[in-house]
């Protein structure tokens, strides 16, 4: 009888799990946010749309370095770009990214780093 209960539990857990692709995407997102510079850039963008120059000044990094990190964040669809003339403005791709960041900040502030 214990075996059948284990099978039922395993089947329920397996059906609740997402596909490997979802987990792979999630791992890539966390890996991207595992870099302090990228987290600072995402935090700056959580406060509003910014140009590369504005971001570079806010996070005290060079523009080429910020551009490199933005490319990574864009490839993972964490940020999006909008061109206005010669200037490109970046913003968070959607509210989910801001929510993830805020939840993680709450966790770190509550439990220490």
C-alpha atoms as a PDB file:
ATOM      1  CA  UNK A   1       0.000   0.000   0.000  1.00  0.00           C
ATOM      2  CA  UNK A   2       2.899   2.370   0.738  1.00  0.00           C
ATOM      3  CA  UNK A   3       4.168   1.903  -2.813  1.00  0.00           C
ATOM      4  CA  UNK A   4       0.895   2.992  -4.403  1.00  0.00           C
ATOM      5  CA  UNK A   5       0.814   6.117  -2.238  1.00  0.00           C
ATOM      6  CA  UNK A   6       4.383   6.906  -3.351  1.00  0.00           C
ATOM      7  CA  UNK A   7       3.371   6.450  -6.980  1.00  0.00           C
ATOM      8  CA  UNK A   8       0.377   8.763  -6.554  1.00  0.00           C
ATOM      9  CA  UNK A   9       2.538  11.400  -4.894  1.00  0.00           C
ATOM     10  CA  UNK A  10       5.212  11.135  -7.597  1.00  0.00           C
ATOM     11  CA  UNK A  11       2.591  11.380 -10.346  1.00  0.00           C
ATOM     12  CA  UNK A  12       1.045  14.478  -8.743  1.00  0.00           C
ATOM     13  CA  UNK A  13       4.439  16.109  -8.353  1.00  0.00           C
ATOM     14  CA  UNK A  14       5.429  15.224 -11.932  1.00  0.00           C
ATOM     15  CA  UNK A  15       2.212  16.711 -13.308  1.00  0.00           C
ATOM     16  CA  UNK A  16       2.768  19.886 -11.273  1.00  0.00           C
ATOM     17  CA  UNK A  17       6.291  20.378 -12.602  1.00  0.00           C
ATOM     18  CA  UNK A  18       6.869  22.591 -15.605  1.00  0.00           C
ATOM     19  CA  UNK A  19       8.649  21.452 -18.734  1.00  0.00           C
ATOM     20  CA  UNK A  20      12.439  21.311 -18.875  1.00  0.00           C
ATOM     21  CA  UNK A  21      12.357  24.339 -21.200  1.00  0.00           C
ATOM     22  CA  UNK A  22      10.576  26.415 -18.555  1.00  0.00           C
ATOM     23  CA  UNK A  23      13.121  25.411 -15.922  1.00  0.00           C
ATOM     24  CA  UNK A  24      15.993  26.111 -18.325  1.00  0.00           C
ATOM     25  CA  UNK A  25      14.605  29.594 -19.008  1.00  0.00           C
ATOM     26  CA  UNK A  26      14.166  30.194 -15.308  1.00  0.00           C
ATOM     27  CA  UNK A  27      17.750  29.125 -14.615  1.00  0.00           C
ATOM     28  CA  UNK A  28      18.995  31.497 -17.360  1.00  0.00           C
ATOM     29  CA  UNK A  29      17.018  34.347 -15.804  1.00  0.00           C
ATOM     30  CA  UNK A  30      18.446  33.701 -12.349  1.00  0.00           C
ATOM     31  CA  UNK A  31      21.921  33.329 -13.838  1.00  0.00           C
ATOM     32  CA  UNK A  32      21.581  36.731 -15.538  1.00  0.00           C
ATOM     33  CA  UNK A  33      20.385  38.253 -12.284  1.00  0.00           C
ATOM     34  CA  UNK A  34      23.290  36.562 -10.495  1.00  0.00           C
ATOM     35  CA  UNK A  35      25.574  39.360 -11.665  1.00  0.00           C
ATOM     36  CA  UNK A  36      25.677  42.412  -9.378  1.00  0.00           C
ATOM     37  CA  UNK A  37      26.112  44.852 -12.272  1.00  0.00           C
ATOM     38  CA  UNK A  38      23.082  43.493 -14.112  1.00  0.00           C
ATOM     39  CA  UNK A  39      20.980  43.600 -10.947  1.00  0.00           C
ATOM     40  CA  UNK A  40      21.954  47.255 -10.470  1.00  0.00           C
ATOM     41  CA  UNK A  41      20.957  47.978 -14.090  1.00  0.00           C
ATOM     42  CA  UNK A  42      17.619  46.205 -13.670  1.00  0.00           C
ATOM     43  CA  UNK A  43      17.039  48.110 -10.411  1.00  0.00           C
ATOM     44  CA  UNK A  44      17.732  51.419 -12.189  1.00  0.00           C
ATOM     45  CA  UNK A  45      15.278  50.446 -14.927  1.00  0.00           C
ATOM     46  CA  UNK A  46      12.662  49.505 -12.343  1.00  0.00           C
ATOM     47  CA  UNK A  47      12.525  53.237 -11.582  1.00  0.00           C
ATOM     48  CA  UNK A  48      11.777  54.154 -15.200  1.00  0.00           C
ATOM     49  CA  UNK A  49      12.944  54.177 -18.791  1.00  0.00           C
ATOM     50  CA  UNK A  50      16.571  55.239 -19.278  1.00  0.00           C
ATOM     51  CA  UNK A  51      19.189  55.733 -21.976  1.00  0.00           C
ATOM     52  CA  UNK A  52      22.504  53.871 -21.834  1.00  0.00           C
ATOM     53  CA  UNK A  53      24.249  57.074 -20.749  1.00  0.00           C
ATOM     54  CA  UNK A  54      21.759  57.636 -17.925  1.00  0.00           C
ATOM     55  CA  UNK A  55      22.132  54.043 -16.757  1.00  0.00           C
ATOM     56  CA  UNK A  56      25.932  54.268 -16.902  1.00  0.00           C
ATOM     57  CA  UNK A  57      25.903  57.386 -14.700  1.00  0.00           C
ATOM     58  CA  UNK A  58      23.418  55.882 -12.234  1.00  0.00           C
ATOM     59  CA  UNK A  59      25.329  52.641 -11.749  1.00  0.00           C
ATOM     60  CA  UNK A  60      28.802  54.216 -12.136  1.00  0.00           C
ATOM     61  CA  UNK A  61      29.889  52.032 -15.049  1.00  0.00           C
ATOM     62  CA  UNK A  62      31.196  52.730 -18.542  1.00  0.00           C
ATOM     63  CA  UNK A  63      28.699  52.932 -21.387  1.00  0.00           C
ATOM     64  CA  UNK A  64      30.281  49.985 -23.256  1.00  0.00           C
ATOM     65  CA  UNK A  65      30.026  47.846 -20.113  1.00  0.00           C
ATOM     66  CA  UNK A  66      26.378  48.828 -19.592  1.00  0.00           C
ATOM     67  CA  UNK A  67      25.651  48.111 -23.266  1.00  0.00           C
ATOM     68  CA  UNK A  68      27.183  44.657 -22.913  1.00  0.00           C
ATOM     69  CA  UNK A  69      24.989  43.862 -19.899  1.00  0.00           C
ATOM     70  CA  UNK A  70      21.909  45.300 -21.604  1.00  0.00           C
ATOM     71  CA  UNK A  71      22.491  42.996 -24.575  1.00  0.00           C
ATOM     72  CA  UNK A  72      22.442  39.995 -22.213  1.00  0.00           C
ATOM     73  CA  UNK A  73      19.303  41.261 -20.497  1.00  0.00           C
ATOM     74  CA  UNK A  74      17.604  41.921 -23.845  1.00  0.00           C
ATOM     75  CA  UNK A  75      18.448  38.446 -25.142  1.00  0.00           C
ATOM     76  CA  UNK A  76      16.660  36.997 -22.108  1.00  0.00           C
ATOM     77  CA  UNK A  77      13.717  39.390 -22.616  1.00  0.00           C
ATOM     78  CA  UNK A  78      14.255  41.015 -19.225  1.00  0.00           C
ATOM     79  CA  UNK A  79      14.604  44.476 -20.766  1.00  0.00           C
ATOM     80  CA  UNK A  80      13.388  46.018 -24.014  1.00  0.00           C
ATOM     81  CA  UNK A  81      14.685  48.855 -26.139  1.00  0.00           C
ATOM     82  CA  UNK A  82      12.964  51.726 -27.920  1.00  0.00           C
ATOM     83  CA  UNK A  83      14.774  53.986 -30.380  1.00  0.00           C
ATOM     84  CA  UNK A  84      13.989  57.680 -30.522  1.00  0.00           C
ATOM     85  CA  UNK A  85      16.181  59.293 -33.136  1.00  0.00           C
ATOM     86  CA  UNK A  86      19.767  58.410 -32.299  1.00  0.00           C
ATOM     87  CA  UNK A  87      19.013  57.539 -28.677  1.00  0.00           C
ATOM     88  CA  UNK A  88      17.932  54.113 -27.453  1.00  0.00           C
ATOM     89  CA  UNK A  89      15.858  53.982 -24.292  1.00  0.00           C
ATOM     90  CA  UNK A  90      15.671  50.854 -22.191  1.00  0.00           C
ATOM     91  CA  UNK A  91      12.952  49.684 -19.842  1.00  0.00           C
ATOM     92  CA  UNK A  92      11.969  46.485 -18.096  1.00  0.00           C
ATOM     93  CA  UNK A  93      10.234  44.082 -20.439  1.00  0.00           C
ATOM     94  CA  UNK A  94       7.225  43.750 -18.138  1.00  0.00           C
ATOM     95  CA  UNK A  95       6.059  44.057 -14.553  1.00  0.00           C
ATOM     96  CA  UNK A  96       7.098  40.508 -13.719  1.00  0.00           C
ATOM     97  CA  UNK A  97      10.760  41.476 -13.720  1.00  0.00           C
ATOM     98  CA  UNK A  98      10.147  44.319 -11.284  1.00  0.00           C
ATOM     99  CA  UNK A  99       8.120  41.998  -9.028  1.00  0.00           C
ATOM    100  CA  UNK A 100      10.884  39.378  -9.002  1.00  0.00           C
ATOM    101  CA  UNK A 101      13.446  42.024  -8.111  1.00  0.00           C
ATOM    102  CA  UNK A 102      11.310  43.535  -5.339  1.00  0.00           C
ATOM    103  CA  UNK A 103      10.595  40.124  -3.821  1.00  0.00           C
ATOM    104  CA  UNK A 104      14.288  39.259  -3.828  1.00  0.00           C
ATOM    105  CA  UNK A 105      15.154  42.603  -2.191  1.00  0.00           C
ATOM    106  CA  UNK A 106      12.535  41.956   0.502  1.00  0.00           C
ATOM    107  CA  UNK A 107      14.019  38.528   1.124  1.00  0.00           C
ATOM    108  CA  UNK A 108      17.588  39.844   1.392  1.00  0.00           C
ATOM    109  CA  UNK A 109      16.554  42.710   3.650  1.00  0.00           C
ATOM    110  CA  UNK A 110      14.579  40.363   5.908  1.00  0.00           C
ATOM    111  CA  UNK A 111      17.196  37.631   6.098  1.00  0.00           C
ATOM    112  CA  UNK A 112      20.484  39.362   5.353  1.00  0.00           C
ATOM    113  CA  UNK A 113      22.756  38.656   2.449  1.00  0.00           C
END
